[in-house]
């Protein structure tokens, strides 16, 4: 939960008056993981440090984790300026099924401008990493010199750009939380259903190796928006409809706030409900000040709900997961894949209603070879993805081929060629140093998406810079990245380079070549008879990709083995997850 800029002062004043939420503690334990509110000493210290992201300053005064849950249970203590942010990670998704959720999150995010989704995600991760650091130090002996490896798990349907945004958010969170110093480091098939809060994702794998375990995707992944958070939305709608004409006495709270507190209670209670049990008693929902009305099935202080009403809350989510599962099973049969097991993971995967419903559906299904299809839940359903990430990080061998999912290019200026049809369509500029015409600021795409790379990949290109007599030799090299394949030679803002983003830059100061008289100026007369004197500097620019790091090196023009300046960039998002 965050407050808008115009209400920032009022939120801070309010939080000083009421700190009963224990918001200074960041803990994953239900009774402790409240929030980092304005009185959080760690958070306050961070506010005094200039943020590298202007937008992140908009999300520093925030309530996180169970602090949100506790605030919503006590709506009378919650300022109107607070914004409840949900599903913001879905803003990185591009699937049609999540568009409605993305639109809602985007509207909430507009109130926090100039904050971006990367700022919200990084702020969330900062709190999570601070908690993790404290627990590891207290219970597992974490020290400053301890080596910590971070493994980032992302949905299979995410683009490389979404992966880059998430990687940037995690990089910021690691640095600010100071959890670690960053360093750039059988034929069995099954259907995996990852049932989360917003989406349910399905993907079918074939086990191609047992030691270490390695899977191969055999059916393209699919996802639908029918996670457990939609149960909350439908439960909220049910309460709104049932209480639309109800009467309350003795309370100043709005109906919306009272309902929101009951939805927060339902967030916990729904995890134990088996909606397939028709004999189960539906507990009444207590509301302070609610007046009896037999025609509306309302008793004093209590709202009665029927089994059918509650079944309607669950129905569409259960059907959505079922349709997704059956679609994947049918696609597997079409491809000749014999799926005998469906594995549930994710928070919603632990729901008795979901497990029992899918078990009944699978009783009527058969695999490609007419075997029964079993439904299994992970013993660690809430942490299965994290545990898998740890195991994968410990054994990186036999991973996916090193095929790039991104294209990489460098900024260049091309000498104008009137015989080149492409040049005739582009704007030209006359260089002040040598007086020639150039197409300025084009991108030379040196490595295209889909390229298979060796464990160590090297490329050397010539870099040429020209300077007027009075100028210092400041040679800048700019690296670009894109999720698409592009043709070289177009200006970086040209439509042919749509989607290209600056990934980083290096600056080599080679002025010593002039001051030490190790280079001499060149004098030329152009076609119009004008004389130009200038310096021309040429050197080797190396691009080295090793593991998941790209090194950008400018070598000395006097000694090609000497590195004048270099920079490392993590390009983990540019490979298929799991690539070594």
Protein backbone atom coordinates (compact mmCIF):
# COMPACT_ATOMS: atom_id res chain seq x y z
CA UNK A 1 0.00 0.00 0.00
CA UNK A 2 1.34 3.43 -0.98
CA UNK A 3 0.12 6.99 -0.59
CA UNK A 4 -0.16 9.54 -3.38
CA UNK A 5 2.24 12.48 -3.43
CA UNK A 6 -0.41 15.04 -2.56
CA UNK A 7 -1.37 13.07 0.57
CA UNK A 8 2.15 12.22 1.70
CA UNK A 9 2.19 14.57 4.69
CA UNK A 10 -1.18 13.46 5.97
CA UNK A 11 -0.14 9.81 5.76
CA UNK A 12 3.06 10.44 7.70
CA UNK A 13 1.21 12.37 10.39
CA UNK A 14 -1.33 9.60 10.72
CA UNK A 15 1.26 6.87 10.97
CA UNK A 16 2.96 8.72 13.83
CA UNK A 17 -0.28 8.79 15.74
CA UNK A 18 -0.98 5.07 15.28
CA UNK A 19 1.89 2.61 15.19
CA UNK A 20 0.03 -0.32 16.63
CA UNK A 21 0.47 -2.28 13.41
CA UNK A 22 4.08 -2.96 14.38
CA UNK A 23 4.97 -1.70 10.91
CA UNK A 24 8.65 -1.30 11.69
CA UNK A 25 9.14 -5.06 11.57
CA UNK A 26 9.67 -6.76 8.21
CA UNK A 27 9.03 -10.46 8.74
CA UNK A 28 7.54 -13.18 6.60
CA UNK A 29 5.91 -14.69 9.66
CA UNK A 30 2.24 -13.92 9.65
CA UNK A 31 2.23 -12.23 13.03
CA UNK A 32 5.35 -10.21 12.29
CA UNK A 33 5.66 -9.37 8.60
CA UNK A 34 3.81 -6.13 8.81
CA UNK A 35 5.31 -3.25 6.92
CA UNK A 36 8.02 -0.69 6.57
CA UNK A 37 5.98 2.36 7.39
CA UNK A 38 7.23 5.88 8.03
CA UNK A 39 8.56 4.96 11.47
CA UNK A 40 10.73 2.13 10.16
CA UNK A 41 14.30 3.04 11.06
CA UNK A 42 15.83 1.13 8.15
CA UNK A 43 13.39 2.67 5.74
CA UNK A 44 13.89 6.15 7.15
CA UNK A 45 17.63 5.85 6.80
CA UNK A 46 17.16 4.90 3.16
CA UNK A 47 15.06 8.01 2.53
CA UNK A 48 17.99 10.20 3.45
CA UNK A 49 20.06 8.71 0.63
CA UNK A 50 19.44 10.05 -2.90
CA UNK A 51 17.67 7.39 -4.88
CA UNK A 52 19.11 6.32 -8.21
CA UNK A 53 15.58 6.04 -9.53
CA UNK A 54 13.49 9.17 -9.32
CA UNK A 55 10.31 7.13 -9.44
CA UNK A 56 11.29 4.97 -6.48
CA UNK A 57 11.04 8.00 -4.19
CA UNK A 58 7.28 7.82 -4.72
CA UNK A 59 7.01 4.39 -3.09
CA UNK A 60 9.27 4.78 -0.06
CA UNK A 61 6.46 5.59 2.40
CA UNK A 62 4.70 2.28 2.15
CA UNK A 63 3.03 -0.55 4.03
CA UNK A 64 4.06 -4.05 3.01
CA UNK A 65 3.27 -7.69 3.65
CA UNK A 66 1.02 -8.50 6.57
CA UNK A 67 0.92 -4.80 7.48
CA UNK A 68 -1.45 -4.41 4.52
CA UNK A 69 -3.58 -7.28 5.77
CA UNK A 70 -3.74 -5.80 9.28
CA UNK A 71 -4.61 -2.32 8.02
CA UNK A 72 -7.45 -3.63 5.89
CA UNK A 73 -8.83 -5.52 8.89
CA UNK A 74 -9.02 -2.17 10.73
CA UNK A 75 -10.46 0.17 8.09
CA UNK A 76 -11.15 2.91 10.62
CA UNK A 77 -7.38 3.49 11.02
CA UNK A 78 -6.66 3.66 7.31
CA UNK A 79 -6.25 7.09 5.64
CA UNK A 80 -8.13 7.68 2.40
CA UNK A 81 -4.84 8.53 0.68
CA UNK A 82 -3.59 4.93 0.82
CA UNK A 83 -3.50 3.01 -2.47
CA UNK A 84 -3.68 -0.76 -2.34
CA UNK A 85 -1.42 -2.16 -5.08
CA UNK A 86 -2.09 -5.67 -6.34
CA UNK A 87 -1.06 -7.67 -9.40
CA UNK A 88 1.60 -5.09 -10.34
CA UNK A 89 3.95 -7.84 -11.50
CA UNK A 90 1.44 -8.60 -14.26
CA UNK A 91 2.34 -5.26 -15.87
CA UNK A 92 5.36 -7.14 -17.23
CA UNK A 93 3.08 -9.69 -18.88
CA UNK A 94 1.82 -9.41 -22.46
CA UNK A 95 -0.83 -12.13 -22.52
CA UNK A 96 -4.37 -11.16 -23.53
CA UNK A 97 -5.73 -13.08 -20.54
CA UNK A 98 -4.12 -10.62 -18.10
CA UNK A 99 -5.08 -7.38 -19.89
CA UNK A 100 -7.95 -6.49 -17.53
CA UNK A 101 -5.71 -6.94 -14.49
CA UNK A 102 -2.92 -4.95 -16.13
CA UNK A 103 -5.28 -2.09 -16.94
CA UNK A 104 -6.44 -1.94 -13.31
CA UNK A 105 -2.87 -1.97 -11.97
CA UNK A 106 -1.82 0.67 -14.50
CA UNK A 107 -4.56 3.00 -13.27
CA UNK A 108 -3.36 2.61 -9.66
CA UNK A 109 0.24 3.17 -10.72
CA UNK A 110 -0.64 6.47 -12.43
CA UNK A 111 -1.39 7.93 -8.99
CA UNK A 112 2.24 7.32 -8.00
CA UNK A 113 3.89 9.03 -10.96
CA UNK A 114 6.76 9.21 -11.78
CA UNK A 115 7.11 5.78 -10.18
CA UNK A 116 7.22 2.89 -12.64
CA UNK A 117 6.49 -0.79 -12.22
CA UNK A 118 10.21 -1.50 -11.78
CA UNK A 119 10.21 0.88 -8.78
CA UNK A 120 7.25 -0.87 -7.14
CA UNK A 121 8.76 -4.32 -7.66
CA UNK A 122 12.19 -3.26 -6.40
CA UNK A 123 10.70 -1.64 -3.29
CA UNK A 124 8.78 -4.84 -2.53
CA UNK A 125 11.95 -6.90 -2.99
CA UNK A 126 13.94 -4.54 -0.77
CA UNK A 127 11.64 -5.34 2.15
CA UNK A 128 11.75 -9.04 1.36
CA UNK A 129 15.56 -9.05 1.17
CA UNK A 130 15.92 -7.05 4.40
CA UNK A 131 13.77 -9.63 6.14
CA UNK A 132 15.74 -12.48 4.56
CA UNK A 133 19.04 -10.93 5.62
CA UNK A 134 17.87 -10.53 9.21
CA UNK A 135 16.59 -14.11 9.46
CA UNK A 136 19.68 -15.62 7.83
CA UNK A 137 21.94 -13.62 10.16
CA UNK A 138 19.94 -14.58 13.25
CA UNK A 139 19.36 -18.26 12.56
CA UNK A 140 21.88 -19.40 9.95
CA UNK A 141 25.07 -17.46 10.61
CA UNK A 142 25.02 -15.10 7.62
CA UNK A 143 28.03 -12.76 7.72
CA UNK A 144 29.15 -9.82 5.61
CA UNK A 145 31.68 -12.00 3.80
CA UNK A 146 29.15 -14.78 3.11
CA UNK A 147 28.60 -15.66 -0.54
CA UNK A 148 24.96 -15.30 -1.61
CA UNK A 149 23.70 -16.43 -5.00
CA UNK A 150 20.42 -15.04 -6.33
CA UNK A 151 18.21 -17.16 -8.57
CA UNK A 152 15.35 -15.33 -10.28
CA UNK A 153 12.32 -17.41 -11.37
CA UNK A 154 10.02 -15.93 -14.00
CA UNK A 155 6.88 -17.11 -15.82
CA UNK A 156 7.66 -19.19 -18.90
CA UNK A 157 5.64 -16.83 -21.11
CA UNK A 158 7.63 -13.69 -20.21
CA UNK A 159 9.59 -11.88 -22.89
CA UNK A 160 13.26 -11.10 -22.48
CA UNK A 161 12.32 -7.43 -21.92
CA UNK A 162 10.10 -8.41 -18.97
CA UNK A 163 12.99 -10.48 -17.63
CA UNK A 164 15.30 -7.47 -17.92
CA UNK A 165 12.88 -5.26 -15.95
CA UNK A 166 12.62 -7.88 -13.21
CA UNK A 167 16.40 -8.30 -13.21
CA UNK A 168 16.86 -4.52 -12.85
CA UNK A 169 14.36 -4.46 -9.97
CA UNK A 170 16.19 -7.28 -8.19
CA UNK A 171 19.58 -5.65 -8.80
CA UNK A 172 18.35 -2.45 -7.15
CA UNK A 173 16.84 -4.41 -4.25
CA UNK A 174 20.03 -6.39 -3.65
CA UNK A 175 22.13 -3.22 -3.61
CA UNK A 176 19.87 -1.23 -1.27
CA UNK A 177 19.02 -4.11 1.09
CA UNK A 178 22.75 -4.96 1.24
CA UNK A 179 21.89 -8.63 1.41
CA UNK A 180 24.96 -9.32 -0.72
CA UNK A 181 27.51 -7.70 -2.96
CA UNK A 182 26.42 -8.18 -6.55
CA UNK A 183 28.59 -10.34 -8.78
CA UNK A 184 27.81 -11.51 -12.30
CA UNK A 185 27.89 -15.30 -11.98
CA UNK A 186 14.14 -40.51 -18.74
CA UNK A 187 11.23 -40.05 -21.02
CA UNK A 188 8.62 -39.24 -18.36
CA UNK A 189 6.21 -36.38 -19.05
CA UNK A 190 4.10 -34.34 -16.68
CA UNK A 191 1.88 -31.26 -16.68
CA UNK A 192 2.79 -28.52 -14.22
CA UNK A 193 0.01 -26.20 -13.05
CA UNK A 194 1.39 -23.15 -11.25
CA UNK A 195 -1.66 -21.74 -9.49
CA UNK A 196 -0.91 -18.29 -8.15
CA UNK A 197 -2.91 -15.35 -6.94
CA UNK A 198 -3.43 -13.61 -10.28
CA UNK A 199 -2.76 -16.18 -12.97
CA UNK A 200 -2.60 -19.93 -13.40
CA UNK A 201 0.15 -21.06 -15.77
CA UNK A 202 0.38 -24.48 -17.39
CA UNK A 203 3.31 -26.10 -19.14
CA UNK A 204 4.04 -29.70 -20.10
CA UNK A 205 7.55 -31.07 -19.62
CA UNK A 206 9.40 -34.21 -20.58
CA UNK A 207 12.12 -35.49 -18.25
CA UNK A 208 15.21 -35.88 -20.46
CA UNK A 209 17.79 -36.45 -17.75
CA UNK A 210 17.63 -37.68 -14.15
CA UNK A 211 21.11 -36.82 -12.77
CA UNK A 212 20.90 -33.90 -12.60
CA UNK A 213 17.17 -33.64 -13.41
CA UNK A 214 16.58 -31.75 -16.64
CA UNK A 215 13.26 -31.07 -18.36
CA UNK A 216 12.35 -30.19 -21.89
CA UNK A 217 9.29 -28.15 -22.80
CA UNK A 218 7.08 -30.25 -25.11
CA UNK A 219 3.85 -28.20 -25.19
CA UNK A 220 3.89 -24.38 -25.40
CA UNK A 221 2.93 -22.75 -22.09
CA UNK A 222 -0.46 -21.17 -21.56
CA UNK A 223 -1.90 -19.01 -18.81
CA UNK A 224 -5.28 -17.75 -17.68
CA UNK A 225 -6.40 -15.13 -15.20
CA UNK A 226 -8.26 -17.23 -12.67
CA UNK A 227 -5.96 -17.27 -9.65
CA UNK A 228 -7.05 -17.10 -6.04
CA UNK A 229 -7.30 -13.29 -5.99
CA UNK A 230 -10.37 -13.62 -8.21
CA UNK A 231 -12.08 -15.51 -5.38
CA UNK A 232 -11.63 -12.38 -3.28
CA UNK A 233 -13.13 -10.23 -6.04
CA UNK A 234 -16.19 -12.45 -6.35
CA UNK A 235 -16.60 -12.70 -2.59
CA UNK A 236 -16.47 -8.91 -2.40
CA UNK A 237 -19.11 -8.64 -5.13
CA UNK A 238 -21.33 -11.14 -3.27
CA UNK A 239 -21.16 -9.09 -0.05
CA UNK A 240 -21.87 -5.87 -1.95
CA UNK A 241 -24.96 -7.35 -3.59
CA UNK A 242 -26.27 -8.90 -0.39
CA UNK A 243 -25.75 -5.73 1.67
CA UNK A 244 -26.86 -3.21 -0.93
CA UNK A 245 -30.15 -2.51 0.90
CA UNK A 246 -29.03 -3.42 4.43
CA UNK A 247 -29.24 -1.01 7.38
CA UNK A 248 -26.44 -0.31 9.88
CA UNK A 249 -26.49 1.58 13.18
CA UNK A 250 -23.75 2.64 15.57
CA UNK A 251 -20.91 2.82 13.04
CA UNK A 252 -19.41 5.58 10.91
CA UNK A 253 -17.55 3.23 8.58
CA UNK A 254 -18.56 3.11 4.96
CA UNK A 255 -19.98 -0.13 3.61
CA UNK A 256 -16.98 -0.43 1.29
CA UNK A 257 -14.51 -0.40 4.17
CA UNK A 258 -16.47 -2.90 6.22
CA UNK A 259 -16.65 -5.26 3.27
CA UNK A 260 -12.93 -4.89 2.60
CA UNK A 261 -12.09 -6.03 6.12
CA UNK A 262 -14.25 -9.17 5.62
CA UNK A 263 -12.52 -9.87 2.32
CA UNK A 264 -9.20 -9.84 4.18
CA UNK A 265 -10.53 -12.46 6.59
CA UNK A 266 -11.73 -14.52 3.64
CA UNK A 267 -8.19 -14.42 2.23
CA UNK A 268 -7.21 -16.77 5.06
CA UNK A 269 -10.44 -18.72 5.43
CA UNK A 270 -10.72 -19.70 1.74
CA UNK A 271 -7.60 -21.85 2.08
CA UNK A 272 -9.48 -24.36 4.20
CA UNK A 273 -12.83 -24.35 2.37
CA UNK A 274 -13.78 -27.45 0.39
CA UNK A 275 -16.61 -26.11 -1.72
CA UNK A 276 -17.31 -29.58 -3.13
CA UNK A 277 -18.61 -30.64 0.28
CA UNK A 278 -22.31 -29.80 -0.02
CA UNK A 279 -22.90 -30.69 3.63
CA UNK A 280 -20.42 -28.14 4.89
CA UNK A 281 -21.91 -25.38 7.03
CA UNK A 282 -21.25 -21.87 5.78
CA UNK A 283 -20.34 -19.67 8.71
CA UNK A 284 -22.28 -16.37 8.92
CA UNK A 285 -20.32 -13.19 8.27
CA UNK A 286 -20.43 -10.83 11.28
CA UNK A 287 -20.99 -7.09 10.69
CA UNK A 288 -21.08 -4.63 13.55
CA UNK A 289 -24.33 -2.66 13.62
CA UNK A 290 -26.07 -4.76 10.94
CA UNK A 291 -29.84 -4.67 11.46
CA UNK A 292 -32.00 -7.77 11.05
CA UNK A 293 -34.04 -8.13 7.87
CA UNK A 294 -35.58 -11.59 7.34
CA UNK A 295 -36.47 -10.84 3.71
CA UNK A 296 -32.78 -10.29 2.98
CA UNK A 297 -31.66 -13.29 5.08
CA UNK A 298 -29.96 -10.98 7.54
CA UNK A 299 -29.89 -11.43 11.29
CA UNK A 300 -28.75 -8.85 13.83
CA UNK A 301 -25.00 -8.48 13.30
CA UNK A 302 -24.77 -11.47 10.95
CA UNK A 303 -25.09 -12.09 7.22
CA UNK A 304 -26.00 -15.69 6.30
CA UNK A 305 -24.50 -17.15 3.12
CA UNK A 306 -25.77 -20.27 1.38
CA UNK A 307 -23.66 -23.08 -0.07
CA UNK A 308 -24.77 -22.11 -3.60
CA UNK A 309 -23.66 -18.50 -3.09
CA UNK A 310 -20.25 -19.65 -1.95
CA UNK A 311 -20.01 -22.19 -4.77
CA UNK A 312 -20.61 -19.36 -7.26
CA UNK A 313 -17.63 -17.56 -5.71
CA UNK A 314 -15.38 -20.53 -6.56
CA UNK A 315 -17.05 -21.76 -9.73
CA UNK A 316 -15.43 -19.65 -12.44
CA UNK A 317 -11.92 -20.07 -11.02
CA UNK A 318 -12.32 -23.85 -10.81
CA UNK A 319 -13.67 -23.99 -14.35
CA UNK A 320 -10.88 -21.75 -15.65
CA UNK A 321 -8.16 -24.00 -14.21
CA UNK A 322 -9.98 -27.09 -15.49
CA UNK A 323 -10.23 -25.75 -19.05
CA UNK A 324 -6.54 -24.80 -18.99
CA UNK A 325 -5.53 -28.26 -17.73
CA UNK A 326 -7.66 -30.12 -20.30
CA UNK A 327 -6.34 -27.89 -23.08
CA UNK A 328 -2.75 -28.78 -22.20
CA UNK A 329 -3.57 -32.48 -21.91
CA UNK A 330 -5.25 -32.46 -25.34
CA UNK A 331 -2.30 -30.58 -26.89
CA UNK A 332 0.04 -33.17 -25.38
CA UNK A 333 -1.94 -36.02 -26.97
CA UNK A 334 -1.85 -34.23 -30.32
CA UNK A 335 1.96 -34.08 -30.09
CA UNK A 336 2.19 -37.74 -29.08
CA UNK A 337 3.19 -36.99 -25.47
CA UNK A 338 1.97 -39.42 -22.81
CA UNK A 339 1.20 -37.32 -19.71
CA UNK A 340 0.44 -39.45 -16.65
CA UNK A 341 0.83 -36.85 -13.90
CA UNK A 342 -0.49 -33.36 -13.20
CA UNK A 343 1.50 -31.49 -10.53
CA UNK A 344 0.01 -28.59 -8.59
CA UNK A 345 2.17 -25.82 -7.19
CA UNK A 346 1.66 -22.21 -6.15
CA UNK A 347 -0.43 -20.87 -3.27
CA UNK A 348 -3.80 -21.64 -4.88
CA UNK A 349 -2.56 -25.18 -5.59
CA UNK A 350 -3.02 -25.98 -1.90
CA UNK A 351 -6.74 -25.20 -2.00
CA UNK A 352 -8.90 -28.23 -1.02
CA UNK A 353 -11.60 -26.99 -3.39
CA UNK A 354 -9.21 -26.89 -6.36
CA UNK A 355 -7.48 -30.20 -5.59
CA UNK A 356 -10.73 -32.12 -5.11
CA UNK A 357 -12.33 -30.58 -8.18
CA UNK A 358 -9.38 -31.41 -10.45
CA UNK A 359 -9.19 -34.94 -9.01
CA UNK A 360 -12.81 -35.54 -10.02
CA UNK A 361 -12.15 -34.21 -13.51
CA UNK A 362 -9.07 -36.39 -13.99
CA UNK A 363 -11.00 -39.53 -13.01
CA UNK A 364 -12.71 -39.25 -16.39
CA UNK A 365 -9.49 -38.59 -18.34
CA UNK A 366 -6.95 -40.99 -19.85
CA UNK A 367 -3.43 -40.39 -21.14
CA UNK A 368 -2.27 -41.00 -24.71
CA UNK A 369 -1.73 -44.68 -23.88
CA UNK A 370 -4.94 -44.91 -21.81
CA UNK A 371 -3.19 -44.71 -18.45
CA UNK A 372 -4.87 -43.01 -15.52
CA UNK A 373 -3.69 -39.46 -14.85
CA UNK A 374 -2.69 -38.75 -11.27
CA UNK A 375 -2.94 -35.40 -9.52
CA UNK A 376 -0.07 -34.59 -7.19
CA UNK A 377 0.68 -31.63 -4.97
CA UNK A 378 4.14 -30.59 -3.94
CA UNK A 379 4.94 -31.26 -0.29
CA UNK A 380 6.19 -27.69 -0.22
CA UNK A 381 3.54 -26.16 -2.44
CA UNK A 382 4.20 -22.56 -1.38
CA UNK A 383 7.97 -22.80 -1.80
CA UNK A 384 8.29 -25.36 -4.60
CA UNK A 385 9.47 -22.77 -7.15
CA UNK A 386 12.07 -21.34 -4.75
CA UNK A 387 13.35 -24.82 -3.87
CA UNK A 388 13.61 -25.73 -7.53
CA UNK A 389 15.56 -22.54 -8.17
CA UNK A 390 18.07 -23.45 -5.46
CA UNK A 391 18.55 -26.96 -6.85
CA UNK A 392 18.97 -25.58 -10.38
CA UNK A 393 21.54 -23.05 -9.18
CA UNK A 394 23.56 -25.77 -7.47
CA UNK A 395 23.79 -27.80 -10.69
CA UNK A 396 24.00 -25.58 -13.77
CA UNK A 397 25.37 -28.26 -16.12
CA UNK A 398 23.27 -29.77 -18.92
CA UNK A 399 21.23 -26.60 -19.23
CA UNK A 400 19.61 -25.11 -22.36
CA UNK A 401 21.70 -24.20 -25.39
CA UNK A 402 23.23 -20.75 -25.27
CA UNK A 403 20.87 -19.14 -27.76
CA UNK A 404 20.37 -15.41 -27.41
CA UNK A 405 16.85 -14.11 -26.89
CA UNK A 406 18.02 -10.53 -27.48
CA UNK A 407 19.90 -8.59 -30.14
CA UNK A 408 22.87 -6.37 -29.25
CA UNK A 409 24.17 -3.37 -31.16
CA UNK A 410 26.57 -0.42 -30.86
CA UNK A 411 26.01 3.20 -31.79
CA UNK A 412 27.78 4.31 -34.93
CA UNK A 413 27.91 7.17 -37.46
CA UNK A 414 28.12 6.03 -41.10
CA UNK A 415 29.92 7.92 -43.85
CA UNK A 416 27.30 9.00 -46.38
CA UNK A 417 27.26 7.00 -49.62
CA UNK A 418 25.11 8.55 -52.34
CA UNK A 419 25.01 5.17 -54.14
CA UNK A 420 23.35 3.57 -51.11
CA UNK A 421 19.52 3.70 -51.52
CA UNK A 422 19.04 3.52 -47.74
CA UNK A 423 21.34 6.52 -47.18
CA UNK A 424 19.35 8.61 -49.66
CA UNK A 425 16.27 8.19 -47.47
CA UNK A 426 17.98 9.29 -44.25
CA UNK A 427 18.96 12.67 -42.91
CA UNK A 428 22.67 13.56 -43.18
CA UNK A 429 24.89 15.90 -41.17
CA UNK A 430 28.28 17.39 -41.95
CA UNK A 431 30.90 16.51 -39.37
CA UNK A 432 32.68 19.55 -37.92
CA UNK A 433 36.01 17.69 -37.70
CA UNK A 434 36.60 16.35 -41.24
CA UNK A 435 33.80 18.13 -43.11
CA UNK A 436 32.33 14.91 -44.55
CA UNK A 437 28.64 13.97 -44.62
CA UNK A 438 27.51 11.27 -42.17
CA UNK A 439 24.37 9.42 -41.09
CA UNK A 440 24.70 10.17 -37.39
CA UNK A 441 23.75 7.89 -34.47
CA UNK A 442 22.88 4.68 -36.28
CA UNK A 443 22.89 1.25 -34.64
CA UNK A 444 25.17 -1.50 -35.92
CA UNK A 445 23.50 -4.74 -34.76
CA UNK A 446 26.56 -6.90 -34.13
CA UNK A 447 24.75 -9.86 -32.54
CA UNK A 448 21.25 -10.84 -33.58
CA UNK A 449 18.58 -12.62 -31.58
CA UNK A 450 18.63 -16.41 -32.06
CA UNK A 451 22.42 -16.73 -32.33
CA UNK A 452 23.98 -19.87 -30.83
CA UNK A 453 26.99 -18.87 -28.70
CA UNK A 454 29.96 -20.79 -27.38
CA UNK A 455 30.62 -20.65 -23.60
CA UNK A 456 33.01 -17.78 -24.38
CA UNK A 457 32.12 -15.57 -27.34
CA UNK A 458 34.36 -12.79 -28.62
CA UNK A 459 33.87 -10.17 -31.32
CA UNK A 460 36.22 -7.36 -32.34
CA UNK A 461 35.08 -4.32 -34.31
CA UNK A 462 36.96 -1.21 -35.33
CA UNK A 463 35.90 2.01 -33.64
CA UNK A 464 36.77 5.33 -35.30
CA UNK A 465 36.41 8.76 -33.71
CA UNK A 466 37.36 12.16 -35.11
CA UNK A 467 38.04 15.33 -33.15
CA UNK A 468 38.65 18.97 -33.92
CA UNK A 469 42.12 20.29 -33.08
CA UNK A 470 41.01 21.89 -29.79
CA UNK A 471 38.89 18.96 -28.52
CA UNK A 472 39.79 16.33 -25.92
CA UNK A 473 39.70 12.74 -27.15
CA UNK A 474 36.62 11.51 -25.27
CA UNK A 475 35.50 8.34 -27.05
CA UNK A 476 32.03 7.10 -26.01
CA UNK A 477 30.72 3.66 -26.92
CA UNK A 478 27.01 2.95 -26.38
CA UNK A 479 25.55 -0.57 -26.21
CA UNK A 480 21.93 -1.22 -27.26
CA UNK A 481 19.68 -4.23 -26.63
CA UNK A 482 16.40 -5.30 -28.21
CA UNK A 483 13.97 -8.21 -28.15
CA UNK A 484 13.71 -8.11 -31.96
CA UNK A 485 15.92 -8.72 -35.00
CA UNK A 486 16.89 -5.45 -36.71
CA UNK A 487 18.69 -4.32 -39.83
CA UNK A 488 21.84 -2.29 -39.15
CA UNK A 489 22.40 1.26 -40.33
CA UNK A 490 19.26 3.05 -39.14
CA UNK A 491 19.17 5.91 -36.65
CA UNK A 492 18.48 4.74 -33.10
CA UNK A 493 15.10 6.54 -33.09
CA UNK A 494 14.08 5.18 -36.50
CA UNK A 495 11.01 2.92 -36.65
CA UNK A 496 13.29 0.10 -37.83
CA UNK A 497 14.83 0.15 -34.34
CA UNK A 498 11.53 0.08 -32.47
CA UNK A 499 12.00 -1.64 -29.12
CA UNK A 500 15.74 -0.93 -28.90
CA UNK A 501 16.94 0.29 -25.50
CA UNK A 502 20.25 1.62 -24.26
CA UNK A 503 21.92 -1.10 -22.17
CA UNK A 504 25.01 0.79 -21.06
CA UNK A 505 28.00 2.81 -22.18
CA UNK A 506 31.74 3.27 -21.64
CA UNK A 507 33.85 6.42 -22.03
CA UNK A 508 37.54 6.21 -22.96
CA UNK A 509 39.64 9.35 -22.46
CA UNK A 510 42.49 9.09 -25.00
CA UNK A 511 43.57 12.73 -24.84
CA UNK A 512 47.05 11.60 -23.81
CA UNK A 513 47.67 10.63 -27.44
CA UNK A 514 47.64 14.34 -28.30
CA UNK A 515 49.33 15.70 -25.19
CA UNK A 516 52.18 13.17 -25.48
CA UNK A 517 52.51 13.83 -29.21
CA UNK A 518 51.72 10.19 -30.06
CA UNK A 519 49.31 11.16 -32.82
CA UNK A 520 49.45 13.77 -35.56
CA UNK A 521 46.56 15.74 -37.07
CA UNK A 522 45.29 15.15 -40.57
CA UNK A 523 44.60 17.99 -43.01
CA UNK A 524 42.21 17.55 -45.96
CA UNK A 525 40.39 19.70 -48.48
CA UNK A 526 36.79 18.70 -49.19
CA UNK A 527 34.92 18.84 -52.51
CA UNK A 528 33.98 22.48 -51.90
CA UNK A 529 37.58 23.49 -51.36
CA UNK A 530 37.33 24.00 -47.60
CA UNK A 531 40.33 22.91 -45.53
CA UNK A 532 39.83 20.80 -42.40
CA UNK A 533 42.42 19.78 -39.81
CA UNK A 534 41.43 17.08 -37.36
CA UNK A 535 42.61 14.11 -35.32
CA UNK A 536 41.45 10.58 -36.15
CA UNK A 537 41.56 7.93 -33.40
CA UNK A 538 40.97 4.28 -34.23
CA UNK A 539 41.04 1.35 -31.81
CA UNK A 540 39.58 -2.13 -31.27
CA UNK A 541 36.26 -2.47 -29.47
CA UNK A 542 35.85 -5.93 -27.94
CA UNK A 543 32.54 -7.58 -27.05
CA UNK A 544 33.11 -10.63 -24.84
CA UNK A 545 30.21 -12.79 -23.64
CA UNK A 546 31.10 -15.32 -20.98
CA UNK A 547 28.45 -17.17 -18.96
CA UNK A 548 25.70 -14.54 -18.52
CA UNK A 549 27.92 -11.46 -18.55
CA UNK A 550 28.76 -9.18 -21.48
CA UNK A 551 32.07 -7.33 -21.23
CA UNK A 552 32.47 -4.14 -23.29
CA UNK A 553 36.16 -3.27 -23.78
CA UNK A 554 37.96 -0.42 -25.56
CA UNK A 555 41.56 -1.51 -26.27
CA UNK A 556 44.45 0.94 -26.46
CA UNK A 557 45.29 2.09 -30.00
CA UNK A 558 48.99 1.75 -29.07
CA UNK A 559 48.78 -1.71 -27.50
CA UNK A 560 45.92 -3.97 -28.58
CA UNK A 561 46.38 -6.19 -25.53
CA UNK A 562 45.88 -3.30 -23.10
CA UNK A 563 42.35 -2.44 -22.02
CA UNK A 564 41.79 1.32 -21.83
CA UNK A 565 38.30 1.10 -20.31
CA UNK A 566 35.73 -1.64 -19.83
CA UNK A 567 32.37 -2.39 -18.24
CA UNK A 568 30.43 -5.57 -17.41
CA UNK A 569 26.71 -5.96 -18.05
CA UNK A 570 24.55 -8.84 -16.87
CA UNK A 571 22.62 -10.33 -19.80
CA UNK A 572 21.04 -13.25 -17.95
CA UNK A 573 17.64 -12.09 -19.21
CA UNK A 574 18.95 -12.47 -22.76
CA UNK A 575 19.04 -16.26 -22.51
CA UNK A 576 16.44 -18.96 -21.87
CA UNK A 577 16.07 -19.31 -18.06
CA UNK A 578 18.50 -21.93 -16.79
CA UNK A 579 21.19 -21.29 -19.41
CA UNK A 580 24.68 -21.59 -17.97
